Amino acid sequence: MLIARHHVLLPEGVPEWVHLVPAGTFKGVDGRGPYKLTDAQAVIAASMANGEKPAIDENHSIDLAGASGQPSPARGWIVAMEARADGIWGKVDWTPPGVQLMTERAYRGISPVFEATKDGAVLRILRAALTNAPNLADLHKLHHRETGMDLVKLRAALGLPETADEAAILAAVTANHQAITAHAQQIGTIATAVGLAPTAPVTDVVTALQTQRANATSVERMAATITSLETQVATMRNDTARHAAETFVDASIKAGKPIVALRDHYIARHIADPKPVETEIAAMVSINTAGNAVVLNAQNPDGGGDGLTPTDKAVATKMGLDPKKFAEFKKTHSTTTDGRAA
C-alpha cells in the first residue's frame, strides 16, 4: 500500500521525515556532550546553504569506510529541514536501496553527524546515518507509530493551504483546541450564572436563559427605576453644591473680597472642590478697611475728589488695583457704618 504525504507517494513504513537533532540540551548514550540546540533556524540555514543536501548513509560509512576508500553509498538525501517543538526534522528523498531498507525495517534509528562549538552549541548538520544503535536517545525512531491520518484531509478540515507543513497543522490543531476549551469555560460560566452546574448540557442552559428572559420586562423596569433615582440623587447633590458655592462667593463679595468679576469662576471651582477655594478667598485682602464699611460722604472726605480716602488708595496700591475702577466699585457697593446703604 502507498501512503500519500505532501503529494509524494511512499511505500508504507517509509518515513518521509526523520528526526535529526533533539530540542534543548541533550547528551549521547556514550557520554559525549552535553550539546544544545539554541537556534534551530540558523542551524537549518547553515546545513542547507548553497543547495546542500546532506546524505543519509548506513552506520556512518561515509566517515568510516569512505575514509579508507571503501564504498559508502547514500541511502537517502535530506532535501529540506524544518524546526519543530522537539527539534530539527529532515525531509528525505530516499534512494531505491534506502526505500527497501525502510520497507524491510532494517534499521530503527538515525544518528546525526553535526558540527558544534566548544561549549556544545550545534552549528550545522553534516549528514546522518541509519543505525540500530543510535547514540541520541531523544530522537524519534524511524518506525515510530503514526496516526495514519490523512494530512490532506486534515489541512482541508482546518482551513489550511495544501503547502502547510506538520508544524502549521499542529499549531492550527492547538489553536482549535484552545478555542473549544475557552468556549466550554464560557458556557460553564453562563450555566453557573443561571443556577445550573458548570457541566450542564447546552440545551439546559438555553432553556434556563429563555425562562429568565420571560421575566426580563420586570427586571428592565426595575433597572430603569434605579437609573432614574440615581439621576435624581445626582441632580440634588449638584443643586446643593451650587447653592453652597453661590452662598459662599456672594458672602465673600459682600465682605469686600475683590472677586466680583470672577464670581462664576469661583462658584464653579467651589462646586468641584470647596476647601481650596475657601482658603484662597479667605487669604485675600478685603476692599473694606479694618472690617468697617467704606462711606462715601462727608465723614470720609477723599481729599482728591475721586471718592477714595487715603486708606482706600493705600489698599488699592497694595492690591495692584486701578484707583479709578476701585472708586467706581466702592461707589456702587458703599454702605454706612451701621450697615445701611449710603
C-alpha atoms as a PDB file:
ATOM      1  CA  MET A   1       0.000   0.000   0.000  1.00  0.00           C
ATOM      2  CA  LEU A   2       1.223   3.517  -0.815  1.00  0.00           C
ATOM      3  CA  ILE A   3       0.842   6.401   1.615  1.00  0.00           C
ATOM      4  CA  ALA A   4       0.366   9.944   0.283  1.00  0.00           C
ATOM      5  CA  ARG A   5       2.434  12.561   2.124  1.00  0.00           C
ATOM      6  CA  HIS A   6       2.843  16.092   0.734  1.00  0.00           C
ATOM      7  CA  HIS A   7       1.849  14.681  -2.684  1.00  0.00           C
ATOM      8  CA  VAL A   8       4.792  12.186  -2.559  1.00  0.00           C
ATOM      9  CA  LEU A   9       3.897   8.503  -2.825  1.00  0.00           C
ATOM     10  CA  LEU A  10       5.951   6.345  -0.488  1.00  0.00           C
ATOM     11  CA  PRO A  11       5.557   2.685   0.389  1.00  0.00           C
ATOM     12  CA  GLU A  12       4.024   2.005   3.765  1.00  0.00           C
ATOM     13  CA  GLY A  13       6.635   2.099   6.501  1.00  0.00           C
ATOM     14  CA  VAL A  14       8.961   4.511   4.686  1.00  0.00           C
ATOM     15  CA  PRO A  15       9.174   7.780   6.655  1.00  0.00           C
ATOM     16  CA  GLU A  16       9.157  10.995   4.697  1.00  0.00           C
ATOM     17  CA  TRP A  17      10.602  12.975   7.623  1.00  0.00           C
ATOM     18  CA  VAL A  18      13.274  11.851  10.094  1.00  0.00           C
ATOM     19  CA  HIS A  19      14.228  13.387  13.438  1.00  0.00           C
ATOM     20  CA  LEU A  20      17.789  14.732  13.125  1.00  0.00           C
ATOM     21  CA  VAL A  21      18.533  16.806  16.270  1.00  0.00           C
ATOM     22  CA  PRO A  22      16.548  16.960  19.520  1.00  0.00           C
ATOM     23  CA  ALA A  23      15.456  20.257  21.040  1.00  0.00           C
ATOM     24  CA  GLY A  24      17.128  21.862  24.027  1.00  0.00           C
ATOM     25  CA  THR A  25      20.123  20.266  25.768  1.00  0.00           C
ATOM     26  CA  PHE A  26      20.953  16.629  25.102  1.00  0.00           C
ATOM     27  CA  LYS A  27      23.724  14.108  25.598  1.00  0.00           C
ATOM     28  CA  GLY A  28      24.928  10.972  23.829  1.00  0.00           C
ATOM     29  CA  VAL A  29      24.472   7.493  25.240  1.00  0.00           C
ATOM     30  CA  ASP A  30      28.262   7.155  25.089  1.00  0.00           C
ATOM     31  CA  GLY A  31      28.661  10.187  27.354  1.00  0.00           C
ATOM     32  CA  ARG A  32      29.581  12.766  24.723  1.00  0.00           C
ATOM     33  CA  GLY A  33      28.074  16.179  25.266  1.00  0.00           C
ATOM     34  CA  PRO A  34      26.178  17.886  26.570  1.00  0.00           C
ATOM     35  CA  TYR A  35      25.066  19.506  23.329  1.00  0.00           C
ATOM     36  CA  LYS A  36      22.379  22.134  22.887  1.00  0.00           C
ATOM     37  CA  LEU A  37      20.176  23.371  20.078  1.00  0.00           C
ATOM     38  CA  THR A  38      19.870  27.111  20.673  1.00  0.00           C
ATOM     39  CA  ASP A  39      18.925  28.455  17.227  1.00  0.00           C
ATOM     40  CA  ALA A  40      17.263  25.832  15.047  1.00  0.00           C
ATOM     41  CA  GLN A  41      16.668  28.178  12.113  1.00  0.00           C
ATOM     42  CA  ALA A  42      20.319  29.196  11.998  1.00  0.00           C
ATOM     43  CA  VAL A  43      21.369  25.532  12.036  1.00  0.00           C
ATOM     44  CA  ILE A  44      18.964  24.747   9.187  1.00  0.00           C
ATOM     45  CA  ALA A  45      20.234  27.673   7.121  1.00  0.00           C
ATOM     46  CA  ALA A  46      23.859  26.600   7.593  1.00  0.00           C
ATOM     47  CA  SER A  47      23.083  22.934   6.859  1.00  0.00           C
ATOM     48  CA  MET A  48      21.176  23.631   3.634  1.00  0.00           C
ATOM     49  CA  ALA A  49      23.379  26.503   2.383  1.00  0.00           C
ATOM     50  CA  ASN A  50      24.246  26.631  -1.302  1.00  0.00           C
ATOM     51  CA  GLY A  51      21.708  23.954  -2.159  1.00  0.00           C
ATOM     52  CA  GLU A  52      23.441  21.369   0.021  1.00  0.00           C
ATOM     53  CA  LYS A  53      21.597  18.078   0.509  1.00  0.00           C
ATOM     54  CA  PRO A  54      23.145  16.181   3.422  1.00  0.00           C
ATOM     55  CA  ALA A  55      23.420  12.452   2.848  1.00  0.00           C
ATOM     56  CA  ILE A  56      21.998   9.577   4.883  1.00  0.00           C
ATOM     57  CA  ASP A  57      24.260   6.505   4.824  1.00  0.00           C
ATOM     58  CA  GLU A  58      24.477   3.228   6.732  1.00  0.00           C
ATOM     59  CA  ASN A  59      26.360   3.073  10.023  1.00  0.00           C
ATOM     60  CA  HIS A  60      28.436   6.175   9.226  1.00  0.00           C
ATOM     61  CA  SER A  61      30.035   4.542   6.191  1.00  0.00           C
ATOM     62  CA  ILE A  62      30.937   7.954   4.768  1.00  0.00           C
ATOM     63  CA  ASP A  63      33.083   8.709   7.817  1.00  0.00           C
ATOM     64  CA  LEU A  64      34.451   5.191   8.342  1.00  0.00           C
ATOM     65  CA  ALA A  65      34.570   3.182   5.092  1.00  0.00           C
ATOM     66  CA  GLY A  66      34.761   6.223   2.851  1.00  0.00           C
ATOM     67  CA  ALA A  67      37.835   7.495   4.669  1.00  0.00           C
ATOM     68  CA  SER A  68      39.747   4.337   3.561  1.00  0.00           C
ATOM     69  CA  GLY A  69      38.417   4.330   0.030  1.00  0.00           C
ATOM     70  CA  GLN A  70      35.685   1.762   0.662  1.00  0.00           C
ATOM     71  CA  PRO A  71      32.147   2.140  -0.761  1.00  0.00           C
ATOM     72  CA  SER A  72      29.921   4.490   1.213  1.00  0.00           C
ATOM     73  CA  PRO A  73      26.744   4.981  -0.820  1.00  0.00           C
ATOM     74  CA  ALA A  74      23.968   7.279   0.259  1.00  0.00           C
ATOM     75  CA  ARG A  75      20.634   5.653   1.106  1.00  0.00           C
ATOM     76  CA  GLY A  76      18.825   8.975   1.034  1.00  0.00           C
ATOM     77  CA  TRP A  77      19.290  12.712   0.688  1.00  0.00           C
ATOM     78  CA  ILE A  78      17.955  15.339   3.082  1.00  0.00           C
ATOM     79  CA  VAL A  79      16.225  17.810   0.766  1.00  0.00           C
ATOM     80  CA  ALA A  80      14.574  20.036   3.397  1.00  0.00           C
ATOM     81  CA  MET A  81      14.648  20.733   7.109  1.00  0.00           C
ATOM     82  CA  GLU A  82      12.186  22.306   9.488  1.00  0.00           C
ATOM     83  CA  ALA A  83      12.194  23.301  13.138  1.00  0.00           C
ATOM     84  CA  ARG A  84       9.549  21.714  15.335  1.00  0.00           C
ATOM     85  CA  ALA A  85       8.816  21.734  19.026  1.00  0.00           C
ATOM     86  CA  ASP A  86      11.003  18.662  19.560  1.00  0.00           C
ATOM     87  CA  GLY A  87      13.954  19.748  17.411  1.00  0.00           C
ATOM     88  CA  ILE A  88      15.012  19.681  13.759  1.00  0.00           C
ATOM     89  CA  TRP A  89      13.477  17.257  11.264  1.00  0.00           C
ATOM     90  CA  GLY A  90      14.693  16.435   7.784  1.00  0.00           C
ATOM     91  CA  LYS A  91      12.656  15.533   4.703  1.00  0.00           C
ATOM     92  CA  VAL A  92      14.299  12.574   2.917  1.00  0.00           C
ATOM     93  CA  ASP A  93      14.489  11.737  -0.759  1.00  0.00           C
ATOM     94  CA  TRP A  94      15.220   8.023  -0.370  1.00  0.00           C
ATOM     95  CA  THR A  95      17.264   6.087  -2.941  1.00  0.00           C
ATOM     96  CA  PRO A  96      15.791   2.742  -4.092  1.00  0.00           C
ATOM     97  CA  PRO A  97      18.084   0.788  -1.725  1.00  0.00           C
ATOM     98  CA  GLY A  98      17.085   3.180   1.051  1.00  0.00           C
ATOM     99  CA  VAL A  99      13.383   2.600   0.357  1.00  0.00           C
ATOM    100  CA  GLN A 100      13.988  -1.153   0.518  1.00  0.00           C
ATOM    101  CA  LEU A 101      15.860  -0.844   3.818  1.00  0.00           C
ATOM    102  CA  MET A 102      12.985   1.152   5.302  1.00  0.00           C
ATOM    103  CA  THR A 103      10.350  -1.196   3.929  1.00  0.00           C
ATOM    104  CA  GLU A 104      12.188  -4.139   5.441  1.00  0.00           C
ATOM    105  CA  ARG A 105      12.640  -2.197   8.707  1.00  0.00           C
ATOM    106  CA  ALA A 106      16.346  -2.988   8.549  1.00  0.00           C
ATOM    107  CA  TYR A 107      17.224  -0.010  10.758  1.00  0.00           C
ATOM    108  CA  ARG A 108      15.421   1.510  13.705  1.00  0.00           C
ATOM    109  CA  GLY A 109      17.231   4.787  14.289  1.00  0.00           C
ATOM    110  CA  ILE A 110      19.065   7.817  12.944  1.00  0.00           C
ATOM    111  CA  SER A 111      22.495   9.017  14.086  1.00  0.00           C
ATOM    112  CA  PRO A 112      23.336  12.589  13.031  1.00  0.00           C
ATOM    113  CA  VAL A 113      26.791  13.992  12.367  1.00  0.00           C
ATOM    114  CA  PHE A 114      26.959  17.692  13.231  1.00  0.00           C
ATOM    115  CA  GLU A 115      29.393  20.495  13.972  1.00  0.00           C
ATOM    116  CA  ALA A 116      29.261  22.143  17.413  1.00  0.00           C
ATOM    117  CA  THR A 117      31.101  24.846  19.321  1.00  0.00           C
ATOM    118  CA  LYS A 118      33.403  24.073  22.233  1.00  0.00           C
ATOM    119  CA  ASP A 119      30.544  24.622  24.642  1.00  0.00           C
ATOM    120  CA  GLY A 120      28.317  22.198  22.707  1.00  0.00           C
ATOM    121  CA  ALA A 121      26.086  24.540  20.679  1.00  0.00           C
ATOM    122  CA  VAL A 122      25.041  22.820  17.417  1.00  0.00           C
ATOM    123  CA  LEU A 123      26.128  24.807  14.356  1.00  0.00           C
ATOM    124  CA  ARG A 124      25.496  22.622  11.289  1.00  0.00           C
ATOM    125  CA  ILE A 125      24.174  19.177  10.406  1.00  0.00           C
ATOM    126  CA  LEU A 126      26.632  17.497   8.049  1.00  0.00           C
ATOM    127  CA  ARG A 127      24.888  14.157   7.423  1.00  0.00           C
ATOM    128  CA  ALA A 128      23.137  11.298   9.207  1.00  0.00           C
ATOM    129  CA  ALA A 129      23.367   7.529   9.316  1.00  0.00           C
ATOM    130  CA  LEU A 130      20.921   4.659   9.552  1.00  0.00           C
ATOM    131  CA  THR A 131      21.782   2.651  12.638  1.00  0.00           C
ATOM    132  CA  ASN A 132      20.454   0.135  15.100  1.00  0.00           C
ATOM    133  CA  ALA A 133      22.498   1.637  17.928  1.00  0.00           C
ATOM    134  CA  PRO A 134      21.543   5.350  17.941  1.00  0.00           C
ATOM    135  CA  ASN A 135      23.657   7.482  20.254  1.00  0.00           C
ATOM    136  CA  LEU A 136      20.949  10.077  20.861  1.00  0.00           C
ATOM    137  CA  ALA A 137      18.105   8.563  22.831  1.00  0.00           C
ATOM    138  CA  ASP A 138      15.970  11.702  22.458  1.00  0.00           C
ATOM    139  CA  LEU A 139      15.380  11.179  18.725  1.00  0.00           C
ATOM    140  CA  HIS A 140      12.228   9.562  17.359  1.00  0.00           C
ATOM    141  CA  LYS A 141      12.717   6.064  15.980  1.00  0.00           C
ATOM    142  CA  LEU A 142      12.433   5.591  12.228  1.00  0.00           C
ATOM    143  CA  HIS A 143       9.391   3.375  12.566  1.00  0.00           C
ATOM    144  CA  HIS A 144       7.608   5.117  15.432  1.00  0.00           C
ATOM    145  CA  ARG A 145       3.876   4.555  15.424  1.00  0.00           C
ATOM    146  CA  GLU A 146       1.998   7.068  13.275  1.00  0.00           C
ATOM    147  CA  THR A 147      -1.640   8.025  13.401  1.00  0.00           C
ATOM    148  CA  GLY A 148      -2.239   7.140   9.774  1.00  0.00           C
ATOM    149  CA  MET A 149      -4.301  10.311   9.470  1.00  0.00           C
ATOM    150  CA  ASP A 150      -4.676  11.765   6.006  1.00  0.00           C
ATOM    151  CA  LEU A 151      -2.839  15.082   6.200  1.00  0.00           C
ATOM    152  CA  VAL A 152      -4.525  16.328   3.026  1.00  0.00           C
ATOM    153  CA  LYS A 153      -7.957  15.951   4.630  1.00  0.00           C
ATOM    154  CA  LEU A 154      -6.680  17.354   7.914  1.00  0.00           C
ATOM    155  CA  ARG A 155      -5.397  20.512   6.197  1.00  0.00           C
ATOM    156  CA  ALA A 156      -8.749  20.936   4.461  1.00  0.00           C
ATOM    157  CA  ALA A 157     -10.659  20.463   7.726  1.00  0.00           C
ATOM    158  CA  LEU A 158      -8.512  23.084   9.435  1.00  0.00           C
ATOM    159  CA  GLY A 159      -8.759  25.521   6.519  1.00  0.00           C
ATOM    160  CA  LEU A 160      -5.034  25.358   5.818  1.00  0.00           C
ATOM    161  CA  PRO A 161      -3.355  25.571   2.400  1.00  0.00           C
ATOM    162  CA  GLU A 162      -2.001  22.401   0.785  1.00  0.00           C
ATOM    163  CA  THR A 163       1.536  23.644   1.450  1.00  0.00           C
ATOM    164  CA  ALA A 164       1.065  23.727   5.235  1.00  0.00           C
ATOM    165  CA  ASP A 165       3.664  21.569   6.973  1.00  0.00           C
ATOM    166  CA  GLU A 166       3.198  19.464  10.081  1.00  0.00           C
ATOM    167  CA  ALA A 167       4.214  22.341  12.356  1.00  0.00           C
ATOM    168  CA  ALA A 168       1.471  24.539  10.870  1.00  0.00           C
ATOM    169  CA  ILE A 169      -1.061  21.727  11.235  1.00  0.00           C
ATOM    170  CA  LEU A 170      -0.071  21.198  14.868  1.00  0.00           C
ATOM    171  CA  ALA A 171      -0.380  24.941  15.545  1.00  0.00           C
ATOM    172  CA  ALA A 172      -3.859  25.005  13.980  1.00  0.00           C
ATOM    173  CA  VAL A 173      -4.990  21.969  15.987  1.00  0.00           C
ATOM    174  CA  THR A 174      -3.665  23.581  19.179  1.00  0.00           C
ATOM    175  CA  ALA A 175      -5.482  26.843  18.422  1.00  0.00           C
ATOM    176  CA  ASN A 176      -8.739  24.989  17.762  1.00  0.00           C
ATOM    177  CA  HIS A 177      -8.375  23.031  20.985  1.00  0.00           C
ATOM    178  CA  GLN A 178      -7.800  26.245  22.936  1.00  0.00           C
ATOM    179  CA  ALA A 179     -10.868  27.834  21.323  1.00  0.00           C
ATOM    180  CA  ILE A 180     -13.043  24.826  22.191  1.00  0.00           C
ATOM    181  CA  THR A 181     -11.763  24.848  25.770  1.00  0.00           C
ATOM    182  CA  ALA A 182     -12.428  28.590  26.122  1.00  0.00           C
ATOM    183  CA  HIS A 183     -15.945  28.133  24.699  1.00  0.00           C
ATOM    184  CA  ALA A 184     -16.674  25.343  27.171  1.00  0.00           C
ATOM    185  CA  GLN A 185     -15.500  27.553  30.035  1.00  0.00           C
ATOM    186  CA  GLN A 186     -17.765  30.381  28.870  1.00  0.00           C
ATOM    187  CA  ILE A 187     -20.767  28.034  28.699  1.00  0.00           C
ATOM    188  CA  GLY A 188     -19.879  26.803  32.195  1.00  0.00           C
ATOM    189  CA  THR A 189     -19.808  30.388  33.491  1.00  0.00           C
ATOM    190  CA  ILE A 190     -23.213  31.124  31.949  1.00  0.00           C
ATOM    191  CA  ALA A 191     -24.614  27.890  33.367  1.00  0.00           C
ATOM    192  CA  THR A 192     -23.449  28.858  36.853  1.00  0.00           C
ATOM    193  CA  ALA A 193     -24.972  32.331  36.454  1.00  0.00           C
ATOM    194  CA  VAL A 194     -28.407  30.863  35.713  1.00  0.00           C
ATOM    195  CA  GLY A 195     -28.196  28.448  38.643  1.00  0.00           C
ATOM    196  CA  LEU A 196     -27.031  25.305  36.842  1.00  0.00           C
ATOM    197  CA  ALA A 197     -23.933  23.160  37.256  1.00  0.00           C
ATOM    198  CA  PRO A 198     -20.940  24.232  35.111  1.00  0.00           C
ATOM    199  CA  THR A 199     -21.146  20.913  33.257  1.00  0.00           C
ATOM    200  CA  ALA A 200     -24.852  21.243  32.445  1.00  0.00           C
ATOM    201  CA  PRO A 201     -25.793  20.437  28.814  1.00  0.00           C
ATOM    202  CA  VAL A 202     -26.078  23.404  26.489  1.00  0.00           C
ATOM    203  CA  THR A 203     -29.768  22.636  25.931  1.00  0.00           C
ATOM    204  CA  ASP A 204     -30.440  23.055  29.662  1.00  0.00           C
ATOM    205  CA  VAL A 205     -28.552  26.353  29.678  1.00  0.00           C
ATOM    206  CA  VAL A 206     -30.623  27.620  26.733  1.00  0.00           C
ATOM    207  CA  THR A 207     -33.874  26.621  28.469  1.00  0.00           C
ATOM    208  CA  ALA A 208     -32.858  28.430  31.659  1.00  0.00           C
ATOM    209  CA  LEU A 209     -31.977  31.559  29.707  1.00  0.00           C
ATOM    210  CA  GLN A 210     -35.315  31.518  27.893  1.00  0.00           C
ATOM    211  CA  THR A 211     -37.130  31.193  31.216  1.00  0.00           C
ATOM    212  CA  GLN A 212     -35.265  34.147  32.669  1.00  0.00           C
ATOM    213  CA  ARG A 213     -35.917  36.170  29.538  1.00  0.00           C
ATOM    214  CA  ALA A 214     -39.663  35.861  30.188  1.00  0.00           C
ATOM    215  CA  ASN A 215     -39.124  37.895  33.362  1.00  0.00           C
ATOM    216  CA  ALA A 216     -36.914  40.429  31.636  1.00  0.00           C
ATOM    217  CA  THR A 217     -39.664  43.097  31.436  1.00  0.00           C
ATOM    218  CA  SER A 218     -39.969  43.496  35.207  1.00  0.00           C
ATOM    219  CA  VAL A 219     -36.194  43.448  35.560  1.00  0.00           C
ATOM    220  CA  GLU A 220     -35.860  46.169  32.927  1.00  0.00           C
ATOM    221  CA  ARG A 221     -38.454  48.308  34.746  1.00  0.00           C
ATOM    222  CA  MET A 222     -36.544  47.916  37.998  1.00  0.00           C
ATOM    223  CA  ALA A 223     -33.306  48.864  36.273  1.00  0.00           C
ATOM    224  CA  ALA A 224     -34.961  51.951  34.758  1.00  0.00           C
ATOM    225  CA  THR A 225     -36.301  52.992  38.182  1.00  0.00           C
ATOM    226  CA  ILE A 226     -32.873  52.620  39.778  1.00  0.00           C
ATOM    227  CA  THR A 227     -31.295  54.655  36.999  1.00  0.00           C
ATOM    228  CA  SER A 228     -33.903  57.392  37.435  1.00  0.00           C
ATOM    229  CA  LEU A 229     -33.337  57.527  41.193  1.00  0.00           C
ATOM    230  CA  GLU A 230     -29.586  57.736  40.700  1.00  0.00           C
ATOM    231  CA  THR A 231     -30.101  60.647  38.308  1.00  0.00           C
ATOM    232  CA  GLN A 232     -32.317  62.458  40.806  1.00  0.00           C
ATOM    233  CA  VAL A 233     -29.810  61.971  43.606  1.00  0.00           C
ATOM    234  CA  ALA A 234     -27.014  63.288  41.403  1.00  0.00           C
ATOM    235  CA  THR A 235     -29.120  66.348  40.494  1.00  0.00           C
ATOM    236  CA  MET A 236     -29.856  67.039  44.159  1.00  0.00           C
ATOM    237  CA  ARG A 237     -26.177  66.783  45.008  1.00  0.00           C
ATOM    238  CA  ASN A 238     -25.291  69.211  42.214  1.00  0.00           C
ATOM    239  CA  ASP A 239     -28.003  71.671  43.266  1.00  0.00           C
ATOM    240  CA  THR A 240     -26.848  71.532  46.894  1.00  0.00           C
ATOM    241  CA  ALA A 241     -23.216  72.068  45.906  1.00  0.00           C
ATOM    242  CA  ARG A 242     -24.143  75.015  43.653  1.00  0.00           C
ATOM    243  CA  HIS A 243     -26.253  76.664  46.356  1.00  0.00           C
ATOM    244  CA  ALA A 244     -23.401  76.347  48.876  1.00  0.00           C
ATOM    245  CA  ALA A 245     -20.924  77.748  46.337  1.00  0.00           C
ATOM    246  CA  GLU A 246     -23.101  80.722  45.424  1.00  0.00           C
ATOM    247  CA  THR A 247     -23.800  81.485  49.083  1.00  0.00           C
ATOM    248  CA  PHE A 248     -20.104  81.471  49.966  1.00  0.00           C
ATOM    249  CA  VAL A 249     -18.938  83.506  46.955  1.00  0.00           C
ATOM    250  CA  ASP A 250     -21.693  86.132  47.304  1.00  0.00           C
ATOM    251  CA  ALA A 251     -20.964  86.454  51.017  1.00  0.00           C
ATOM    252  CA  SER A 252     -17.286  86.958  50.201  1.00  0.00           C
ATOM    253  CA  ILE A 253     -18.119  89.673  47.692  1.00  0.00           C
ATOM    254  CA  LYS A 254     -20.317  91.389  50.271  1.00  0.00           C
ATOM    255  CA  ALA A 255     -17.421  91.163  52.728  1.00  0.00           C
ATOM    256  CA  GLY A 256     -15.311  93.147  50.268  1.00  0.00           C
ATOM    257  CA  LYS A 257     -13.296  90.398  48.568  1.00  0.00           C
ATOM    258  CA  PRO A 258     -12.271  91.646  45.084  1.00  0.00           C
ATOM    259  CA  ILE A 259     -13.777  88.730  43.146  1.00  0.00           C
ATOM    260  CA  VAL A 260     -16.860  90.253  41.513  1.00  0.00           C
ATOM    261  CA  ALA A 261     -15.516  89.764  38.005  1.00  0.00           C
ATOM    262  CA  LEU A 262     -14.570  86.160  38.837  1.00  0.00           C
ATOM    263  CA  ARG A 263     -17.829  85.180  40.543  1.00  0.00           C
ATOM    264  CA  ASP A 264     -18.778  82.397  38.102  1.00  0.00           C
ATOM    265  CA  HIS A 265     -15.197  81.116  38.079  1.00  0.00           C
ATOM    266  CA  TYR A 266     -15.063  80.756  41.867  1.00  0.00           C
ATOM    267  CA  ILE A 267     -18.559  79.233  42.010  1.00  0.00           C
ATOM    268  CA  ALA A 268     -17.560  76.514  39.509  1.00  0.00           C
ATOM    269  CA  ARG A 269     -14.360  75.771  41.413  1.00  0.00           C
ATOM    270  CA  HIS A 270     -16.223  75.701  44.748  1.00  0.00           C
ATOM    271  CA  ILE A 271     -18.718  73.154  43.373  1.00  0.00           C
ATOM    272  CA  ALA A 272     -15.861  70.876  42.325  1.00  0.00           C
ATOM    273  CA  ASP A 273     -13.724  71.288  45.467  1.00  0.00           C
ATOM    274  CA  PRO A 274     -14.803  73.874  48.062  1.00  0.00           C
ATOM    275  CA  LYS A 275     -11.917  73.791  50.553  1.00  0.00           C
ATOM    276  CA  PRO A 276      -9.124  75.219  48.316  1.00  0.00           C
ATOM    277  CA  VAL A 277     -11.443  77.992  47.108  1.00  0.00           C
ATOM    278  CA  GLU A 278     -12.475  78.993  50.620  1.00  0.00           C
ATOM    279  CA  THR A 279      -8.824  79.011  51.740  1.00  0.00           C
ATOM    280  CA  GLU A 280      -7.784  81.111  48.740  1.00  0.00           C
ATOM    281  CA  ILE A 281     -10.532  83.725  49.131  1.00  0.00           C
ATOM    282  CA  ALA A 282     -10.040  83.927  52.885  1.00  0.00           C
ATOM    283  CA  ALA A 283      -6.426  84.940  52.260  1.00  0.00           C
ATOM    284  CA  MET A 284      -7.467  87.852  50.035  1.00  0.00           C
ATOM    285  CA  VAL A 285      -7.396  91.426  51.411  1.00  0.00           C
ATOM    286  CA  SER A 286     -10.883  92.874  51.716  1.00  0.00           C
ATOM    287  CA  ILE A 287     -11.516  96.182  49.999  1.00  0.00           C
ATOM    288  CA  ASN A 288     -13.325  97.230  53.184  1.00  0.00           C
ATOM    289  CA  THR A 289     -10.877  98.732  55.678  1.00  0.00           C
ATOM    290  CA  ALA A 290     -10.481  97.249  59.171  1.00  0.00           C
ATOM    291  CA  GLY A 291     -13.675  95.284  58.696  1.00  0.00           C
ATOM    292  CA  ASN A 292     -15.737  98.557  58.705  1.00  0.00           C
ATOM    293  CA  ALA A 293     -17.890  99.777  55.840  1.00  0.00           C
ATOM    294  CA  VAL A 294     -16.489 102.376  53.462  1.00  0.00           C
ATOM    295  CA  VAL A 295     -18.506 105.595  53.429  1.00  0.00           C
ATOM    296  CA  LEU A 296     -18.558 107.977  50.508  1.00  0.00           C
ATOM    297  CA  ASN A 297     -19.849 111.025  52.320  1.00  0.00           C
ATOM    298  CA  ALA A 298     -18.599 113.886  54.401  1.00  0.00           C
ATOM    299  CA  GLN A 299     -17.485 111.509  57.181  1.00  0.00           C
ATOM    300  CA  ASN A 300     -14.668 110.183  54.907  1.00  0.00           C
ATOM    301  CA  PRO A 301     -13.539 113.068  52.664  1.00  0.00           C
ATOM    302  CA  ASP A 302     -11.419 111.857  49.808  1.00  0.00           C
ATOM    303  CA  GLY A 303      -9.278 114.917  49.678  1.00  0.00           C
ATOM    304  CA  GLY A 304      -8.763 114.416  45.958  1.00  0.00           C
ATOM    305  CA  GLY A 305     -12.252 114.359  44.514  1.00  0.00           C
ATOM    306  CA  ASP A 306     -12.016 110.784  43.246  1.00  0.00           C
ATOM    307  CA  GLY A 307     -14.046 109.269  46.071  1.00  0.00           C
ATOM    308  CA  LEU A 308     -11.093 107.479  47.672  1.00  0.00           C
ATOM    309  CA  THR A 309      -9.731 108.087  51.120  1.00  0.00           C
ATOM    310  CA  PRO A 310      -6.006 107.861  51.761  1.00  0.00           C
ATOM    311  CA  THR A 311      -6.658 104.420  53.300  1.00  0.00           C
ATOM    312  CA  ASP A 312      -8.572 103.359  50.185  1.00  0.00           C
ATOM    313  CA  LYS A 313      -5.681 104.441  47.976  1.00  0.00           C
ATOM    314  CA  ALA A 314      -3.218 102.551  50.141  1.00  0.00           C
ATOM    315  CA  VAL A 315      -5.331  99.390  49.850  1.00  0.00           C
ATOM    316  CA  ALA A 316      -5.669  99.819  46.065  1.00  0.00           C
ATOM    317  CA  THR A 317      -1.903 100.300  45.704  1.00  0.00           C
ATOM    318  CA  LYS A 318      -1.147  97.264  47.874  1.00  0.00           C
ATOM    319  CA  MET A 319      -3.511  95.100  45.812  1.00  0.00           C
ATOM    320  CA  GLY A 320      -2.412  96.493  42.445  1.00  0.00           C
ATOM    321  CA  LEU A 321      -5.905  97.813  41.621  1.00  0.00           C
ATOM    322  CA  ASP A 322      -6.683 100.637  39.248  1.00  0.00           C
ATOM    323  CA  PRO A 323      -7.753 103.600  41.501  1.00  0.00           C
ATOM    324  CA  LYS A 324     -10.428 104.751  39.087  1.00  0.00           C
ATOM    325  CA  LYS A 325     -12.076 101.299  38.849  1.00  0.00           C
ATOM    326  CA  PHE A 326     -11.664 100.853  42.592  1.00  0.00           C
ATOM    327  CA  ALA A 327     -13.500 104.133  43.135  1.00  0.00           C
ATOM    328  CA  GLU A 328     -16.333 103.052  40.860  1.00  0.00           C
ATOM    329  CA  PHE A 329     -16.589  99.727  42.698  1.00  0.00           C
ATOM    330  CA  LYS A 330     -16.597 101.495  46.047  1.00  0.00           C
ATOM    331  CA  LYS A 331     -19.270 103.945  44.934  1.00  0.00           C
ATOM    332  CA  THR A 332     -21.515 101.070  43.783  1.00  0.00           C
ATOM    333  CA  HIS A 333     -21.062  98.906  46.902  1.00  0.00           C
ATOM    334  CA  SER A 334     -20.639 101.529  49.648  1.00  0.00           C
ATOM    335  CA  THR A 335     -22.657 101.285  52.905  1.00  0.00           C
ATOM    336  CA  THR A 336     -22.878 103.308  56.110  1.00  0.00           C
ATOM    337  CA  THR A 337     -21.136 102.180  59.238  1.00  0.00           C
ATOM    338  CA  ASP A 338     -24.409 100.838  60.646  1.00  0.00           C
ATOM    339  CA  GLY A 339     -24.891  98.578  57.583  1.00  0.00           C
ATOM    340  CA  ARG A 340     -27.470 100.752  55.707  1.00  0.00           C
ATOM    341  CA  ALA A 341     -26.917 101.706  52.037  1.00  0.00           C
ATOM    342  CA  ALA A 342     -25.277 105.074  51.607  1.00  0.00           C
END
